[in-house]
C-alpha atoms as a PDB file:
ATOM      1  CA  UNK A   1       8.299  32.613   3.518  1.00  0.00           C
ATOM      2  CA  UNK A   2      10.439  29.354   2.973  1.00  0.00           C
ATOM      3  CA  UNK A   3       8.525  26.184   2.571  1.00  0.00           C
ATOM      4  CA  UNK A   4      10.150  23.203   4.295  1.00  0.00           C
ATOM      5  CA  UNK A   5      10.380  20.285   2.003  1.00  0.00           C
ATOM      6  CA  UNK A   6       8.781  16.945   2.712  1.00  0.00           C
ATOM      7  CA  UNK A   7      11.052  14.490   4.475  1.00  0.00           C
ATOM      8  CA  UNK A   8      11.320  10.997   2.844  1.00  0.00           C
ATOM      9  CA  UNK A   9      11.130   7.935   5.090  1.00  0.00           C
ATOM     10  CA  UNK A  10      12.044   4.358   4.613  1.00  0.00           C
ATOM     11  CA  UNK A  11      10.236   2.018   6.946  1.00  0.00           C
ATOM     12  CA  UNK A  12      11.218  -1.635   6.803  1.00  0.00           C
ATOM     13  CA  UNK A  13       9.078  -4.707   7.893  1.00  0.00           C
ATOM     14  CA  UNK A  14       5.927  -3.080   7.065  1.00  0.00           C
ATOM     15  CA  UNK A  15       3.930  -6.014   5.532  1.00  0.00           C
ATOM     16  CA  UNK A  16       1.379  -6.581   8.424  1.00  0.00           C
ATOM     17  CA  UNK A  17      -1.572  -4.272   8.465  1.00  0.00           C
ATOM     18  CA  UNK A  18      -1.400  -4.283  12.356  1.00  0.00           C
ATOM     19  CA  UNK A  19       2.322  -4.279  12.926  1.00  0.00           C
ATOM     20  CA  UNK A  20       4.797  -1.644  14.247  1.00  0.00           C
ATOM     21  CA  UNK A  21       6.308  -1.055  10.898  1.00  0.00           C
ATOM     22  CA  UNK A  22       3.035  -0.164   9.182  1.00  0.00           C
ATOM     23  CA  UNK A  23       1.877   1.927  12.259  1.00  0.00           C
ATOM     24  CA  UNK A  24       5.223   3.910  11.993  1.00  0.00           C
ATOM     25  CA  UNK A  25       4.636   4.500   8.365  1.00  0.00           C
ATOM     26  CA  UNK A  26       1.372   5.870   8.999  1.00  0.00           C
ATOM     27  CA  UNK A  27       2.434   8.228  11.610  1.00  0.00           C
ATOM     28  CA  UNK A  28       5.341   9.538   9.496  1.00  0.00           C
ATOM     29  CA  UNK A  29       3.124   9.880   6.705  1.00  0.00           C
ATOM     30  CA  UNK A  30       0.458  11.631   8.611  1.00  0.00           C
ATOM     31  CA  UNK A  31       3.267  14.022   9.661  1.00  0.00           C
ATOM     32  CA  UNK A  32       3.930  14.912   6.063  1.00  0.00           C
ATOM     33  CA  UNK A  33       6.616  12.499   5.213  1.00  0.00           C
ATOM     34  CA  UNK A  34       6.740  10.698   1.962  1.00  0.00           C
ATOM     35  CA  UNK A  35       7.257   6.975   2.762  1.00  0.00           C
ATOM     36  CA  UNK A  36       8.951   3.838   1.091  1.00  0.00           C
ATOM     37  CA  UNK A  37       7.728   0.568   2.843  1.00  0.00           C
ATOM     38  CA  UNK A  38       9.073  -2.831   2.251  1.00  0.00           C
ATOM     39  CA  UNK A  39       8.429  -6.395   3.279  1.00  0.00           C
ATOM     40  CA  UNK A  40       9.403  -9.790   1.966  1.00  0.00           C
ATOM     41  CA  UNK A  41       5.932 -10.517   0.269  1.00  0.00           C
ATOM     42  CA  UNK A  42       3.738  -8.693  -2.248  1.00  0.00           C
ATOM     43  CA  UNK A  43       1.276  -7.864   0.588  1.00  0.00           C
ATOM     44  CA  UNK A  44       3.366  -4.672   0.849  1.00  0.00           C
ATOM     45  CA  UNK A  45       1.349  -3.397  -2.039  1.00  0.00           C
ATOM     46  CA  UNK A  46      -1.813  -3.599   0.025  1.00  0.00           C
ATOM     47  CA  UNK A  47      -0.173  -1.528   2.536  1.00  0.00           C
ATOM     48  CA  UNK A  48       0.820   1.019  -0.024  1.00  0.00           C
ATOM     49  CA  UNK A  49      -2.852   1.045  -1.134  1.00  0.00           C
ATOM     50  CA  UNK A  50      -3.908   1.890   2.303  1.00  0.00           C
ATOM     51  CA  UNK A  51      -1.314   4.605   2.766  1.00  0.00           C
ATOM     52  CA  UNK A  52      -2.302   6.297  -0.518  1.00  0.00           C
ATOM     53  CA  UNK A  53      -5.918   6.158   0.509  1.00  0.00           C
ATOM     54  CA  UNK A  54      -5.048   8.210   3.576  1.00  0.00           C
ATOM     55  CA  UNK A  55      -3.553  10.776   1.448  1.00  0.00           C
ATOM     56  CA  UNK A  56       0.154   9.767   1.972  1.00  0.00           C
ATOM     57  CA  UNK A  57       2.522   9.656  -0.858  1.00  0.00           C
ATOM     58  CA  UNK A  58       3.884   6.061  -0.743  1.00  0.00           C
ATOM     59  CA  UNK A  59       5.873   3.514  -2.721  1.00  0.00           C
ATOM     60  CA  UNK A  60       6.510  -0.226  -1.816  1.00  0.00           C
ATOM     61  CA  UNK A  61       9.355  -2.644  -2.531  1.00  0.00           C
ATOM     62  CA  UNK A  62       9.335  -6.404  -2.067  1.00  0.00           C
ATOM     63  CA  UNK A  63      12.833  -7.060  -0.689  1.00  0.00           C
ATOM     64  CA  UNK A  64      14.938  -9.533   1.319  1.00  0.00           C
ATOM     65  CA  UNK A  65      17.005  -7.114   3.465  1.00  0.00           C
ATOM     66  CA  UNK A  66      19.474  -9.816   4.345  1.00  0.00           C
ATOM     67  CA  UNK A  67      20.665  -9.476   0.830  1.00  0.00           C
ATOM     68  CA  UNK A  68      22.465  -6.438  -0.495  1.00  0.00           C
ATOM     69  CA  UNK A  69      20.348  -6.552  -3.816  1.00  0.00           C
ATOM     70  CA  UNK A  70      17.308  -6.108  -1.819  1.00  0.00           C
ATOM     71  CA  UNK A  71      18.580  -3.337   0.171  1.00  0.00           C
ATOM     72  CA  UNK A  72      19.903  -1.371  -2.853  1.00  0.00           C
ATOM     73  CA  UNK A  73      16.402  -1.762  -4.532  1.00  0.00           C
ATOM     74  CA  UNK A  74      14.704  -0.027  -1.545  1.00  0.00           C
ATOM     75  CA  UNK A  75      17.136   2.893  -1.373  1.00  0.00           C
ATOM     76  CA  UNK A  76      17.108   3.294  -5.121  1.00  0.00           C
ATOM     77  CA  UNK A  77      13.389   3.468  -4.960  1.00  0.00           C
ATOM     78  CA  UNK A  78      13.404   6.152  -2.300  1.00  0.00           C
ATOM     79  CA  UNK A  79      15.962   8.304  -4.371  1.00  0.00           C
ATOM     80  CA  UNK A  80      14.318   7.774  -7.650  1.00  0.00           C
ATOM     81  CA  UNK A  81      10.802   8.347  -6.480  1.00  0.00           C
ATOM     82  CA  UNK A  82      11.241  11.111  -3.795  1.00  0.00           C
ATOM     83  CA  UNK A  83      14.779  12.377  -4.187  1.00  0.00           C
ATOM     84  CA  UNK A  84      16.577  10.987  -1.365  1.00  0.00           C
ATOM     85  CA  UNK A  85      16.354   9.530   2.163  1.00  0.00           C
ATOM     86  CA  UNK A  86      15.882  11.629   5.293  1.00  0.00           C
ATOM     87  CA  UNK A  87      14.428   9.006   7.837  1.00  0.00           C
ATOM     88  CA  UNK A  88      15.241   5.280   8.213  1.00  0.00           C
ATOM     89  CA  UNK A  89      13.117   3.147  10.441  1.00  0.00           C
ATOM     90  CA  UNK A  90      14.645  -0.258  10.857  1.00  0.00           C
ATOM     91  CA  UNK A  91      11.718  -2.525  11.827  1.00  0.00           C
ATOM     92  CA  UNK A  92      12.453  -5.659   9.875  1.00  0.00           C
ATOM     93  CA  UNK A  93      13.026  -8.878  11.737  1.00  0.00           C
ATOM     94  CA  UNK A  94      10.955 -11.349  13.881  1.00  0.00           C
ATOM     95  CA  UNK A  95      11.179 -13.718  16.753  1.00  0.00           C
ATOM     96  CA  UNK A  96      11.887 -17.401  15.507  1.00  0.00           C
ATOM     97  CA  UNK A  97      10.140 -19.105  18.371  1.00  0.00           C
ATOM     98  CA  UNK A  98       8.202 -22.201  17.521  1.00  0.00           C
ATOM     99  CA  UNK A  99       5.599 -24.010  19.330  1.00  0.00           C
ATOM    100  CA  UNK A 100       8.317 -25.639  21.343  1.00  0.00           C
ATOM    101  CA  UNK A 101      10.215 -23.006  23.331  1.00  0.00           C
ATOM    102  CA  UNK A 102      13.129 -25.322  23.785  1.00  0.00           C
ATOM    103  CA  UNK A 103      13.952 -25.280  19.953  1.00  0.00           C
ATOM    104  CA  UNK A 104      15.868 -21.975  20.366  1.00  0.00           C
ATOM    105  CA  UNK A 105      17.566 -22.734  23.498  1.00  0.00           C
ATOM    106  CA  UNK A 106      21.379 -22.432  23.596  1.00  0.00           C
ATOM    107  CA  UNK A 107      21.948 -26.102  23.884  1.00  0.00           C
ATOM    108  CA  UNK A 108      19.437 -26.924  20.977  1.00  0.00           C
ATOM    109  CA  UNK A 109      20.113 -24.223  18.631  1.00  0.00           C
ATOM    110  CA  UNK A 110      21.676 -25.053  15.074  1.00  0.00           C
ATOM    111  CA  UNK A 111      24.498 -22.840  13.745  1.00  0.00           C
ATOM    112  CA  UNK A 112      22.360 -22.298  10.732  1.00  0.00           C
ATOM    113  CA  UNK A 113      19.313 -21.082  12.829  1.00  0.00           C
ATOM    114  CA  UNK A 114      21.613 -18.882  14.900  1.00  0.00           C
ATOM    115  CA  UNK A 115      22.941 -17.166  11.702  1.00  0.00           C
ATOM    116  CA  UNK A 116      19.586 -17.064  10.039  1.00  0.00           C
ATOM    117  CA  UNK A 117      18.136 -15.016  13.249  1.00  0.00           C
ATOM    118  CA  UNK A 118      21.056 -12.683  13.430  1.00  0.00           C
ATOM    119  CA  UNK A 119      20.828 -12.003   9.689  1.00  0.00           C
ATOM    120  CA  UNK A 120      17.044 -11.361   9.990  1.00  0.00           C
ATOM    121  CA  UNK A 121      17.106  -9.268  13.244  1.00  0.00           C
ATOM    122  CA  UNK A 122      20.460  -7.504  13.198  1.00  0.00           C
ATOM    123  CA  UNK A 123      22.261  -7.637   9.839  1.00  0.00           C
ATOM    124  CA  UNK A 124      19.118  -6.135   7.968  1.00  0.00           C
ATOM    125  CA  UNK A 125      19.539  -3.076  10.166  1.00  0.00           C
ATOM    126  CA  UNK A 126      23.257  -2.681   9.498  1.00  0.00           C
ATOM    127  CA  UNK A 127      22.815  -3.161   5.747  1.00  0.00           C
ATOM    128  CA  UNK A 128      20.080  -0.418   5.535  1.00  0.00           C
ATOM    129  CA  UNK A 129      22.129   2.010   7.828  1.00  0.00           C
ATOM    130  CA  UNK A 130      25.269   1.363   5.631  1.00  0.00           C
ATOM    131  CA  UNK A 131      23.254   1.954   2.512  1.00  0.00           C
ATOM    132  CA  UNK A 132      21.738   5.302   3.612  1.00  0.00           C
ATOM    133  CA  UNK A 133      24.494   6.884   5.536  1.00  0.00           C
ATOM    134  CA  UNK A 134      26.356   8.315   2.601  1.00  0.00           C
ATOM    135  CA  UNK A 135      23.209  10.000   1.275  1.00  0.00           C
ATOM    136  CA  UNK A 136      22.227  11.424   4.776  1.00  0.00           C
ATOM    137  CA  UNK A 137      25.930  12.648   5.176  1.00  0.00           C
ATOM    138  CA  UNK A 138      25.893  14.455   1.895  1.00  0.00           C
ATOM    139  CA  UNK A 139      22.639  16.106   2.861  1.00  0.00           C
ATOM    140  CA  UNK A 140      23.874  17.025   6.366  1.00  0.00           C
ATOM    141  CA  UNK A 141      20.666  15.526   8.024  1.00  0.00           C
ATOM    142  CA  UNK A 142      19.399  12.180   9.004  1.00  0.00           C
ATOM    143  CA  UNK A 143      17.247  10.381  11.486  1.00  0.00           C
ATOM    144  CA  UNK A 144      17.617   6.619  11.988  1.00  0.00           C
ATOM    145  CA  UNK A 145      15.518   4.734  14.280  1.00  0.00           C
ATOM    146  CA  UNK A 146      16.162   0.960  15.106  1.00  0.00           C
ATOM    147  CA  UNK A 147      13.308  -1.245  16.503  1.00  0.00           C
ATOM    148  CA  UNK A 148      15.032  -3.305  19.253  1.00  0.00           C
ATOM    149  CA  UNK A 149      13.090  -4.888  22.102  1.00  0.00           C
ATOM    150  CA  UNK A 150      13.066  -5.178  25.776  1.00  0.00           C
ATOM    151  CA  UNK A 151      13.890  -8.854  25.110  1.00  0.00           C
ATOM    152  CA  UNK A 152      17.831  -8.918  25.006  1.00  0.00           C
ATOM    153  CA  UNK A 153      18.947  -5.439  26.054  1.00  0.00           C
ATOM    154  CA  UNK A 154      16.854  -5.446  29.291  1.00  0.00           C
ATOM    155  CA  UNK A 155      15.300  -8.759  29.920  1.00  0.00           C
ATOM    156  CA  UNK A 156      14.917 -12.291  28.441  1.00  0.00           C
ATOM    157  CA  UNK A 157      12.518 -15.234  28.358  1.00  0.00           C
ATOM    158  CA  UNK A 158      13.354 -18.883  27.835  1.00  0.00           C
ATOM    159  CA  UNK A 159      13.953 -20.559  24.362  1.00  0.00           C
ATOM    160  CA  UNK A 160      15.114 -17.914  21.924  1.00  0.00           C
ATOM    161  CA  UNK A 161      18.766 -17.000  22.454  1.00  0.00           C
ATOM    162  CA  UNK A 162      19.591 -15.871  18.914  1.00  0.00           C
ATOM    163  CA  UNK A 163      16.622 -13.277  18.810  1.00  0.00           C
ATOM    164  CA  UNK A 164      17.699 -11.947  22.321  1.00  0.00           C
ATOM    165  CA  UNK A 165      21.326 -11.646  21.191  1.00  0.00           C
ATOM    166  CA  UNK A 166      20.209  -9.934  17.941  1.00  0.00           C
ATOM    167  CA  UNK A 167      18.079  -7.417  19.637  1.00  0.00           C
ATOM    168  CA  UNK A 168      20.756  -6.558  22.108  1.00  0.00           C
ATOM    169  CA  UNK A 169      23.064  -6.144  19.233  1.00  0.00           C
ATOM    170  CA  UNK A 170      20.666  -3.618  17.863  1.00  0.00           C
ATOM    171  CA  UNK A 171      21.398  -1.396  20.831  1.00  0.00           C
ATOM    172  CA  UNK A 172      25.104  -1.679  20.328  1.00  0.00           C
ATOM    173  CA  UNK A 173      24.782  -0.872  16.677  1.00  0.00           C
ATOM    174  CA  UNK A 174      22.635   2.154  17.465  1.00  0.00           C
ATOM    175  CA  UNK A 175      25.183   3.650  19.833  1.00  0.00           C
ATOM    176  CA  UNK A 176      28.140   2.927  17.732  1.00  0.00           C
ATOM    177  CA  UNK A 177      26.500   4.444  14.700  1.00  0.00           C
ATOM    178  CA  UNK A 178      25.282   7.498  16.647  1.00  0.00           C
ATOM    179  CA  UNK A 179      29.008   8.320  17.451  1.00  0.00           C
ATOM    180  CA  UNK A 180      30.109   7.682  13.768  1.00  0.00           C
ATOM    181  CA  UNK A 181      27.466   9.937  12.345  1.00  0.00           C
ATOM    182  CA  UNK A 182      26.726  12.618  14.956  1.00  0.00           C
ATOM    183  CA  UNK A 183      29.018  15.330  13.508  1.00  0.00           C
ATOM    184  CA  UNK A 184      27.184  14.904  10.036  1.00  0.00           C
ATOM    185  CA  UNK A 185      23.799  15.914  11.462  1.00  0.00           C
ATOM    186  CA  UNK A 186      22.500  12.330  11.750  1.00  0.00           C
ATOM    187  CA  UNK A 187      20.912  10.919  14.854  1.00  0.00           C
ATOM    188  CA  UNK A 188      20.471   7.327  15.634  1.00  0.00           C
ATOM    189  CA  UNK A 189      18.179   5.920  18.221  1.00  0.00           C
ATOM    190  CA  UNK A 190      16.318   2.871  19.186  1.00  0.00           C
ATOM    191  CA  UNK A 191      12.927   1.832  20.619  1.00  0.00           C
ATOM    192  CA  UNK A 192      12.473  -1.095  22.852  1.00  0.00           C
ATOM    193  CA  UNK A 193       8.940  -2.369  22.711  1.00  0.00           C
ATOM    194  CA  UNK A 194       7.737  -4.806  25.469  1.00  0.00           C
ATOM    195  CA  UNK A 195       4.612  -6.882  24.915  1.00  0.00           C
ATOM    196  CA  UNK A 196       2.754  -5.416  21.932  1.00  0.00           C
ATOM    197  CA  UNK A 197      -0.552  -6.706  20.870  1.00  0.00           C
ATOM    198  CA  UNK A 198       0.031  -7.057  17.061  1.00  0.00           C
ATOM    199  CA  UNK A 199      -1.633  -9.732  14.840  1.00  0.00           C
ATOM    200  CA  UNK A 200       1.255 -12.027  15.469  1.00  0.00           C
ATOM    201  CA  UNK A 201       0.946 -11.844  19.247  1.00  0.00           C
ATOM    202  CA  UNK A 202       0.201 -15.285  20.937  1.00  0.00           C
ATOM    203  CA  UNK A 203      -2.350 -15.747  23.811  1.00  0.00           C
ATOM    204  CA  UNK A 204       0.627 -16.216  26.130  1.00  0.00           C
ATOM    205  CA  UNK A 205       2.210 -12.977  25.048  1.00  0.00           C
ATOM    206  CA  UNK A 206      -1.204 -11.074  25.596  1.00  0.00           C
ATOM    207  CA  UNK A 207      -1.321 -12.651  29.259  1.00  0.00           C
ATOM    208  CA  UNK A 208       2.122 -11.400  29.744  1.00  0.00           C
ATOM    209  CA  UNK A 209       0.856  -7.915  28.584  1.00  0.00           C
ATOM    210  CA  UNK A 210      -2.039  -8.172  30.898  1.00  0.00           C
ATOM    211  CA  UNK A 211       0.603  -8.682  33.806  1.00  0.00           C
ATOM    212  CA  UNK A 212       2.464  -5.640  33.373  1.00  0.00           C
ATOM    213  CA  UNK A 213       2.018  -2.581  35.621  1.00  0.00           C
ATOM    214  CA  UNK A 214      -0.393  -0.940  33.050  1.00  0.00           C
ATOM    215  CA  UNK A 215      -2.458  -4.016  32.923  1.00  0.00           C
ATOM    216  CA  UNK A 216      -2.504  -4.457  29.318  1.00  0.00           C
ATOM    217  CA  UNK A 217      -0.460  -5.055  26.154  1.00  0.00           C
ATOM    218  CA  UNK A 218       0.824  -2.133  24.256  1.00  0.00           C
ATOM    219  CA  UNK A 219      -0.330  -1.152  20.766  1.00  0.00           C
ATOM    220  CA  UNK A 220       1.586  -0.789  17.598  1.00  0.00           C
ATOM    221  CA  UNK A 221       0.518   2.801  17.469  1.00  0.00           C
ATOM    222  CA  UNK A 222       2.051   3.564  20.842  1.00  0.00           C
ATOM    223  CA  UNK A 223       5.349   2.388  19.555  1.00  0.00           C
ATOM    224  CA  UNK A 224       4.882   4.404  16.428  1.00  0.00           C
ATOM    225  CA  UNK A 225       4.425   7.543  18.453  1.00  0.00           C
ATOM    226  CA  UNK A 226       7.976   7.022  19.965  1.00  0.00           C
ATOM    227  CA  UNK A 227       9.438   6.377  16.745  1.00  0.00           C
ATOM    228  CA  UNK A 228       7.944   9.590  15.105  1.00  0.00           C
ATOM    229  CA  UNK A 229       9.315  11.310  18.001  1.00  0.00           C
ATOM    230  CA  UNK A 230      12.772  10.269  17.449  1.00  0.00           C
ATOM    231  CA  UNK A 231      12.380  10.654  13.665  1.00  0.00           C
ATOM    232  CA  UNK A 232      11.321  14.298  14.073  1.00  0.00           C
ATOM    233  CA  UNK A 233      13.378  17.428  13.411  1.00  0.00           C
ATOM    234  CA  UNK A 234      12.986  18.527  17.114  1.00  0.00           C
ATOM    235  CA  UNK A 235      14.818  15.352  18.442  1.00  0.00           C
ATOM    236  CA  UNK A 236      18.193  16.813  17.045  1.00  0.00           C
ATOM    237  CA  UNK A 237      20.043  16.557  20.236  1.00  0.00           C
ATOM    238  CA  UNK A 238      19.067  13.213  21.072  1.00  0.00           C
ATOM    239  CA  UNK A 239      21.292  10.491  19.761  1.00  0.00           C
ATOM    240  CA  UNK A 240      22.554   6.907  20.836  1.00  0.00           C
ATOM    241  CA  UNK A 241      19.408   6.592  23.106  1.00  0.00           C
ATOM    242  CA  UNK A 242      16.954   3.749  23.746  1.00  0.00           C
ATOM    243  CA  UNK A 243      13.255   4.617  24.525  1.00  0.00           C
ATOM    244  CA  UNK A 244      11.516   1.622  26.352  1.00  0.00           C
ATOM    245  CA  UNK A 245       7.983   1.296  25.495  1.00  0.00           C
ATOM    246  CA  UNK A 246       6.729  -1.562  27.847  1.00  0.00           C
ATOM    247  CA  UNK A 247       4.072  -0.185  30.322  1.00  0.00           C
ATOM    248  CA  UNK A 248       6.693  -0.111  33.129  1.00  0.00           C
ATOM    249  CA  UNK A 249       6.990  -4.000  32.848  1.00  0.00           C
ATOM    250  CA  UNK A 250      10.887  -3.818  33.016  1.00  0.00           C
ATOM    251  CA  UNK A 251      10.962  -1.586  36.085  1.00  0.00           C
ATOM    252  CA  UNK A 252       8.597  -3.463  38.158  1.00  0.00           C
ATOM    253  CA  UNK A 253      10.063  -5.471  41.138  1.00  0.00           C
ATOM    254  CA  UNK A 254       6.776  -7.278  42.081  1.00  0.00           C
ATOM    255  CA  UNK A 255       6.133 -10.437  40.125  1.00  0.00           C
ATOM    256  CA  UNK A 256       3.933 -13.218  40.476  1.00  0.00           C
ATOM    257  CA  UNK A 257       1.103 -11.485  42.379  1.00  0.00           C
END
């Protein structure tokens, strides 16, 4: 009887204990994958301790994924510790909206802040995909899941034009990369979360979640289930697609009731 080897997953943007990245790492680890997790601060090692406490083989790397050196460190860790990379979940990135929503509007956004947001929310995914593509092609197998957002590809809110542009760019990156890598046995898909109740969610965002058709914000675990599905071996004929996880909010025509 042939025993299938454990898959190796890299999950970026995993520092928060209550975020989508860590939920995805837990889900993939519970499914048997060995995981490499990364964030920009040493709190990532707290997440590694939690994963190991749950019986998951895990390693952590502090890295700035807008820089090639940080990207290389993460991929090297996966290769040296576990022998390769089978799954990549690109979750790194965050909104840059401040207390003043107008600060990120198109007529008030500096070029430096525009570039910083695109680097953080889009370029990180490009650099990680580029770094693992060769390894996946050589193995004849790969699953890449990019975390986009409803904000940008489907809808928008006032005051953060760069974030919306970057998240829309994630969808374009997903589809173009899917075409480039399909023949090599690699699938590339995205999830687009709506209002998700993480530790960084504001009261305003939670109020928006309560106004969805489902009547509440989503959870990080609910997004992680979608990620794990797309990262699974059974999703071998799904590529270049986007799964929206927003409680039906983007399809509801009734507003302001």
